Amino acid sequence: MNRAIIAAAAAATAVLLAGCSSATPKAAPSGQAGQPAPAPTKPAADASGAFTAIAAAVPTAKLGTTVTAENEPNHMLGRPHGYTSKITFTDARIPAEQTEGHEPDDLELGGSIETFPTAPEAKARADYIQTTSKAMPALAEYDYVHGTTLIRVSRLLTPAQAADYEKAAAKLP
């Protein structure tokens, strides 16, 4: 069985178990035993949800690709210490002449959003990227961590333009 599927199933099980209460359950009214609990009202955080919130604050951002196990080049999706979801996006403020020669989902065209199981894992990924890019300036980027979400933004944006993403990230739930 595919490791990504197993990891996703394990993560889903962990989330479901974490929501269980240790309190003694109330007895169900007669004839209603075994009824399912109501669905949670707030969806779990993922890269798509984070992008929706960020794009509301940064209207020049347009959704690119939702990364899946089949199209993910880093082989980090669903793996230990890897992200649980990822999307790419473009930003219309990057001049067209600077986008020539890039693949459609390159970070240079706008950025990406990665979500992790824990905040320390998101921070570790950002730290790794920053350490790597110090040795290779062509890989430089803006990275903003908010909880379990890492927003990676193209170096082709000005500092003021990139700061729009930082402000939007600070408002994520």
C-alpha atoms as a PDB file:
ATOM      1  CA  MET A   1       0.000   0.000   0.000  1.00  0.00           C
ATOM      2  CA  ASN A   2       1.227   3.487  -0.759  1.00  0.00           C
ATOM      3  CA  ARG A   3       3.077   5.065   2.188  1.00  0.00           C
ATOM      4  CA  ALA A   4       1.389   8.405   1.596  1.00  0.00           C
ATOM      5  CA  ILE A   5      -2.038   6.781   1.991  1.00  0.00           C
ATOM      6  CA  ILE A   6      -0.947   5.027   5.183  1.00  0.00           C
ATOM      7  CA  ALA A   7       0.507   8.261   6.574  1.00  0.00           C
ATOM      8  CA  ALA A   8      -2.651  10.174   5.706  1.00  0.00           C
ATOM      9  CA  ALA A   9      -4.810   7.495   7.337  1.00  0.00           C
ATOM     10  CA  ALA A  10      -2.614   7.555  10.454  1.00  0.00           C
ATOM     11  CA  ALA A  11      -2.823  11.348  10.626  1.00  0.00           C
ATOM     12  CA  ALA A  12      -6.608  11.262  10.235  1.00  0.00           C
ATOM     13  CA  THR A  13      -6.862   8.621  12.969  1.00  0.00           C
ATOM     14  CA  ALA A  14      -4.677  10.716  15.286  1.00  0.00           C
ATOM     15  CA  VAL A  15      -6.869  13.773  14.698  1.00  0.00           C
ATOM     16  CA  LEU A  16     -10.015  11.778  15.383  1.00  0.00           C
ATOM     17  CA  LEU A  17      -8.567  10.235  18.537  1.00  0.00           C
ATOM     18  CA  ALA A  18      -7.338  13.614  19.776  1.00  0.00           C
ATOM     19  CA  GLY A  19     -10.899  14.885  19.618  1.00  0.00           C
ATOM     20  CA  CYS A  20     -12.175  12.128  21.910  1.00  0.00           C
ATOM     21  CA  SER A  21     -13.023  13.169  25.442  1.00  0.00           C
ATOM     22  CA  SER A  22     -12.073  11.224  28.548  1.00  0.00           C
ATOM     23  CA  ALA A  23     -15.321  12.306  30.221  1.00  0.00           C
ATOM     24  CA  THR A  24     -17.977   9.690  30.821  1.00  0.00           C
ATOM     25  CA  PRO A  25     -20.486   9.825  27.954  1.00  0.00           C
ATOM     26  CA  LYS A  26     -24.116  10.575  28.664  1.00  0.00           C
ATOM     27  CA  ALA A  27     -26.572   7.785  28.083  1.00  0.00           C
ATOM     28  CA  ALA A  28     -28.354   8.020  24.761  1.00  0.00           C
ATOM     29  CA  PRO A  29     -32.123   8.407  24.816  1.00  0.00           C
ATOM     30  CA  SER A  30     -33.863   5.068  24.302  1.00  0.00           C
ATOM     31  CA  GLY A  31     -33.815   3.879  20.715  1.00  0.00           C
ATOM     32  CA  GLN A  32     -30.943   6.283  19.758  1.00  0.00           C
ATOM     33  CA  ALA A  33     -27.861   4.381  20.856  1.00  0.00           C
ATOM     34  CA  GLY A  34     -24.915   4.568  18.498  1.00  0.00           C
ATOM     35  CA  GLN A  35     -25.845   7.842  16.780  1.00  0.00           C
ATOM     36  CA  PRO A  36     -22.809   9.571  15.248  1.00  0.00           C
ATOM     37  CA  ALA A  37     -21.420  12.703  16.854  1.00  0.00           C
ATOM     38  CA  PRO A  38     -22.116  15.961  15.022  1.00  0.00           C
ATOM     39  CA  ALA A  39     -19.504  17.005  12.475  1.00  0.00           C
ATOM     40  CA  PRO A  40     -17.010  19.649  13.596  1.00  0.00           C
ATOM     41  CA  THR A  41     -17.960  23.157  12.533  1.00  0.00           C
ATOM     42  CA  LYS A  42     -14.415  24.316  11.747  1.00  0.00           C
ATOM     43  CA  PRO A  43     -12.471  22.425   9.050  1.00  0.00           C
ATOM     44  CA  ALA A  44      -8.905  21.355   9.719  1.00  0.00           C
ATOM     45  CA  ALA A  45      -6.249  23.788   8.531  1.00  0.00           C
ATOM     46  CA  ASP A  46      -4.727  22.930   5.181  1.00  0.00           C
ATOM     47  CA  ALA A  47      -2.796  24.734   2.464  1.00  0.00           C
ATOM     48  CA  SER A  48      -5.904  25.407   0.345  1.00  0.00           C
ATOM     49  CA  GLY A  49      -7.749  26.982   3.271  1.00  0.00           C
ATOM     50  CA  ALA A  50      -4.722  29.085   4.161  1.00  0.00           C
ATOM     51  CA  PHE A  51      -4.436  30.232   0.539  1.00  0.00           C
ATOM     52  CA  THR A  52      -8.101  31.270   0.467  1.00  0.00           C
ATOM     53  CA  ALA A  53      -7.537  33.479   3.514  1.00  0.00           C
ATOM     54  CA  ILE A  54      -4.277  34.917   2.180  1.00  0.00           C
ATOM     55  CA  ALA A  55      -5.661  35.586  -1.311  1.00  0.00           C
ATOM     56  CA  ALA A  56      -8.450  37.644   0.256  1.00  0.00           C
ATOM     57  CA  ALA A  57      -5.742  39.972   1.603  1.00  0.00           C
ATOM     58  CA  VAL A  58      -3.384  39.706  -1.402  1.00  0.00           C
ATOM     59  CA  PRO A  59      -5.605  39.933  -4.506  1.00  0.00           C
ATOM     60  CA  THR A  60      -2.643  39.572  -6.906  1.00  0.00           C
ATOM     61  CA  ALA A  61      -2.159  35.970  -5.690  1.00  0.00           C
ATOM     62  CA  LYS A  62      -3.750  33.290  -7.883  1.00  0.00           C
ATOM     63  CA  LEU A  63      -3.970  29.599  -7.032  1.00  0.00           C
ATOM     64  CA  GLY A  64      -1.602  27.383  -8.992  1.00  0.00           C
ATOM     65  CA  THR A  65      -1.565  23.655  -8.265  1.00  0.00           C
ATOM     66  CA  THR A  66      -2.739  21.584  -5.343  1.00  0.00           C
ATOM     67  CA  VAL A  67       0.170  19.243  -4.736  1.00  0.00           C
ATOM     68  CA  THR A  68      -0.583  15.513  -4.522  1.00  0.00           C
ATOM     69  CA  ALA A  69       1.569  12.453  -3.923  1.00  0.00           C
ATOM     70  CA  GLU A  70       1.628  11.933  -7.699  1.00  0.00           C
ATOM     71  CA  ASN A  71       2.916  15.400  -8.682  1.00  0.00           C
ATOM     72  CA  GLU A  72       5.058  16.270  -5.633  1.00  0.00           C
ATOM     73  CA  PRO A  73       8.746  16.609  -6.613  1.00  0.00           C
ATOM     74  CA  ASN A  74      10.188  16.850  -3.070  1.00  0.00           C
ATOM     75  CA  HIS A  75       8.686  13.557  -1.851  1.00  0.00           C
ATOM     76  CA  MET A  76       7.705  15.203   1.439  1.00  0.00           C
ATOM     77  CA  LEU A  77       3.906  15.030   1.272  1.00  0.00           C
ATOM     78  CA  GLY A  78       2.624  12.756   4.026  1.00  0.00           C
ATOM     79  CA  ARG A  79       6.083  11.527   4.957  1.00  0.00           C
ATOM     80  CA  PRO A  80       7.725  11.824   8.398  1.00  0.00           C
ATOM     81  CA  HIS A  81       8.468  15.478   9.177  1.00  0.00           C
ATOM     82  CA  GLY A  82       6.969  16.422   5.804  1.00  0.00           C
ATOM     83  CA  TYR A  83       3.985  18.555   4.987  1.00  0.00           C
ATOM     84  CA  THR A  84       0.408  17.321   5.112  1.00  0.00           C
ATOM     85  CA  SER A  85      -0.755  19.602   2.302  1.00  0.00           C
ATOM     86  CA  LYS A  86       0.757  22.021  -0.201  1.00  0.00           C
ATOM     87  CA  ILE A  87      -0.381  24.423  -2.912  1.00  0.00           C
ATOM     88  CA  THR A  88       1.486  26.697  -5.301  1.00  0.00           C
ATOM     89  CA  PHE A  89       0.436  30.186  -6.350  1.00  0.00           C
ATOM     90  CA  THR A  90       1.423  32.956  -8.717  1.00  0.00           C
ATOM     91  CA  ASP A  91       1.586  36.686  -8.047  1.00  0.00           C
ATOM     92  CA  ALA A  92       0.686  39.096 -10.849  1.00  0.00           C
ATOM     93  CA  ARG A  93       3.117  41.730  -9.487  1.00  0.00           C
ATOM     94  CA  ILE A  94       6.134  39.743 -10.710  1.00  0.00           C
ATOM     95  CA  PRO A  95       7.103  41.240 -14.087  1.00  0.00           C
ATOM     96  CA  ALA A  96       6.537  38.903 -17.050  1.00  0.00           C
ATOM     97  CA  GLU A  97      10.131  39.275 -18.251  1.00  0.00           C
ATOM     98  CA  GLN A  98      11.289  37.771 -14.937  1.00  0.00           C
ATOM     99  CA  THR A  99       9.055  34.719 -15.272  1.00  0.00           C
ATOM    100  CA  GLU A 100      10.399  33.486 -18.615  1.00  0.00           C
ATOM    101  CA  GLY A 101      11.956  30.041 -18.485  1.00  0.00           C
ATOM    102  CA  HIS A 102      10.244  29.007 -15.263  1.00  0.00           C
ATOM    103  CA  GLU A 103       8.049  25.932 -14.930  1.00  0.00           C
ATOM    104  CA  PRO A 104       4.373  26.704 -14.183  1.00  0.00           C
ATOM    105  CA  ASP A 105       4.605  25.818 -10.454  1.00  0.00           C
ATOM    106  CA  ASP A 106       8.040  27.312  -9.708  1.00  0.00           C
ATOM    107  CA  LEU A 107       8.236  29.193  -6.425  1.00  0.00           C
ATOM    108  CA  GLU A 108       9.762  32.124  -8.319  1.00  0.00           C
ATOM    109  CA  LEU A 109       6.373  32.826  -9.954  1.00  0.00           C
ATOM    110  CA  GLY A 110       4.717  33.596  -6.627  1.00  0.00           C
ATOM    111  CA  GLY A 111       5.148  31.047  -3.893  1.00  0.00           C
ATOM    112  CA  SER A 112       3.723  28.066  -2.086  1.00  0.00           C
ATOM    113  CA  ILE A 113       1.973  27.215   1.142  1.00  0.00           C
ATOM    114  CA  GLU A 114       2.866  24.088   3.100  1.00  0.00           C
ATOM    115  CA  THR A 115       1.067  22.824   6.210  1.00  0.00           C
ATOM    116  CA  PHE A 116       2.662  20.509   8.756  1.00  0.00           C
ATOM    117  CA  PRO A 117       1.408  18.302  11.594  1.00  0.00           C
ATOM    118  CA  THR A 118       3.129  20.515  14.192  1.00  0.00           C
ATOM    119  CA  ALA A 119       4.403  24.078  14.460  1.00  0.00           C
ATOM    120  CA  PRO A 120       7.985  22.931  15.240  1.00  0.00           C
ATOM    121  CA  GLU A 121       8.026  20.952  11.976  1.00  0.00           C
ATOM    122  CA  ALA A 122       6.905  24.023  10.007  1.00  0.00           C
ATOM    123  CA  LYS A 123       9.611  26.100  11.708  1.00  0.00           C
ATOM    124  CA  ALA A 124      12.258  23.425  11.059  1.00  0.00           C
ATOM    125  CA  ARG A 125      11.395  23.411   7.345  1.00  0.00           C
ATOM    126  CA  ALA A 126      11.645  27.223   7.170  1.00  0.00           C
ATOM    127  CA  ASP A 127      14.964  27.137   9.024  1.00  0.00           C
ATOM    128  CA  TYR A 128      16.299  24.482   6.632  1.00  0.00           C
ATOM    129  CA  ILE A 129      15.275  26.537   3.590  1.00  0.00           C
ATOM    130  CA  GLN A 130      16.859  29.700   4.999  1.00  0.00           C
ATOM    131  CA  THR A 131      20.102  27.884   5.846  1.00  0.00           C
ATOM    132  CA  THR A 132      20.280  26.369   2.360  1.00  0.00           C
ATOM    133  CA  SER A 133      19.535  29.648   0.599  1.00  0.00           C
ATOM    134  CA  LYS A 134      22.333  31.468   2.455  1.00  0.00           C
ATOM    135  CA  ALA A 135      24.820  29.279   0.594  1.00  0.00           C
ATOM    136  CA  MET A 136      22.978  29.711  -2.727  1.00  0.00           C
ATOM    137  CA  PRO A 137      21.510  33.224  -3.124  1.00  0.00           C
ATOM    138  CA  ALA A 138      19.595  32.182  -6.261  1.00  0.00           C
ATOM    139  CA  LEU A 139      17.430  30.059  -3.939  1.00  0.00           C
ATOM    140  CA  ALA A 140      16.601  32.974  -1.614  1.00  0.00           C
ATOM    141  CA  GLU A 141      12.952  33.466  -0.718  1.00  0.00           C
ATOM    142  CA  TYR A 142      10.747  35.038   1.918  1.00  0.00           C
ATOM    143  CA  ASP A 143       9.433  32.514   4.466  1.00  0.00           C
ATOM    144  CA  TYR A 144       6.668  33.209   6.970  1.00  0.00           C
ATOM    145  CA  VAL A 145       5.639  30.630   9.571  1.00  0.00           C
ATOM    146  CA  HIS A 146       2.304  30.904  11.331  1.00  0.00           C
ATOM    147  CA  GLY A 147       1.556  27.922  13.547  1.00  0.00           C
ATOM    148  CA  THR A 148       1.669  24.811  11.381  1.00  0.00           C
ATOM    149  CA  THR A 149       1.645  26.809   8.124  1.00  0.00           C
ATOM    150  CA  LEU A 150       4.702  27.863   6.119  1.00  0.00           C
ATOM    151  CA  ILE A 151       4.168  30.534   3.453  1.00  0.00           C
ATOM    152  CA  ARG A 152       7.053  30.621   0.979  1.00  0.00           C
ATOM    153  CA  VAL A 153       7.196  33.736  -1.214  1.00  0.00           C
ATOM    154  CA  SER A 154       9.261  34.473  -4.338  1.00  0.00           C
ATOM    155  CA  ARG A 155      12.382  36.607  -4.026  1.00  0.00           C
ATOM    156  CA  LEU A 156      11.250  38.406  -7.201  1.00  0.00           C
ATOM    157  CA  LEU A 157       8.737  40.371  -5.138  1.00  0.00           C
ATOM    158  CA  THR A 158       9.956  43.517  -3.422  1.00  0.00           C
ATOM    159  CA  PRO A 159      10.249  43.424   0.373  1.00  0.00           C
ATOM    160  CA  ALA A 160       7.116  45.597   0.642  1.00  0.00           C
ATOM    161  CA  GLN A 161       5.166  43.263  -1.661  1.00  0.00           C
ATOM    162  CA  ALA A 162       6.318  40.175   0.246  1.00  0.00           C
ATOM    163  CA  ALA A 163       5.293  41.863   3.497  1.00  0.00           C
ATOM    164  CA  ASP A 164       1.676  41.664   2.276  1.00  0.00           C
ATOM    165  CA  TYR A 165       1.949  37.883   2.674  1.00  0.00           C
ATOM    166  CA  GLU A 166       3.484  38.246   6.127  1.00  0.00           C
ATOM    167  CA  LYS A 167       0.571  40.456   7.245  1.00  0.00           C
ATOM    168  CA  ALA A 168      -1.957  38.023   5.774  1.00  0.00           C
ATOM    169  CA  ALA A 169      -0.224  35.047   7.423  1.00  0.00           C
ATOM    170  CA  ALA A 170      -0.435  36.715  10.822  1.00  0.00           C
ATOM    171  CA  LYS A 171      -4.240  36.681  10.498  1.00  0.00           C
ATOM    172  CA  LEU A 172      -4.507  32.943   9.834  1.00  0.00           C
ATOM    173  CA  PRO A 173      -6.420  30.970  12.475  1.00  0.00           C
END
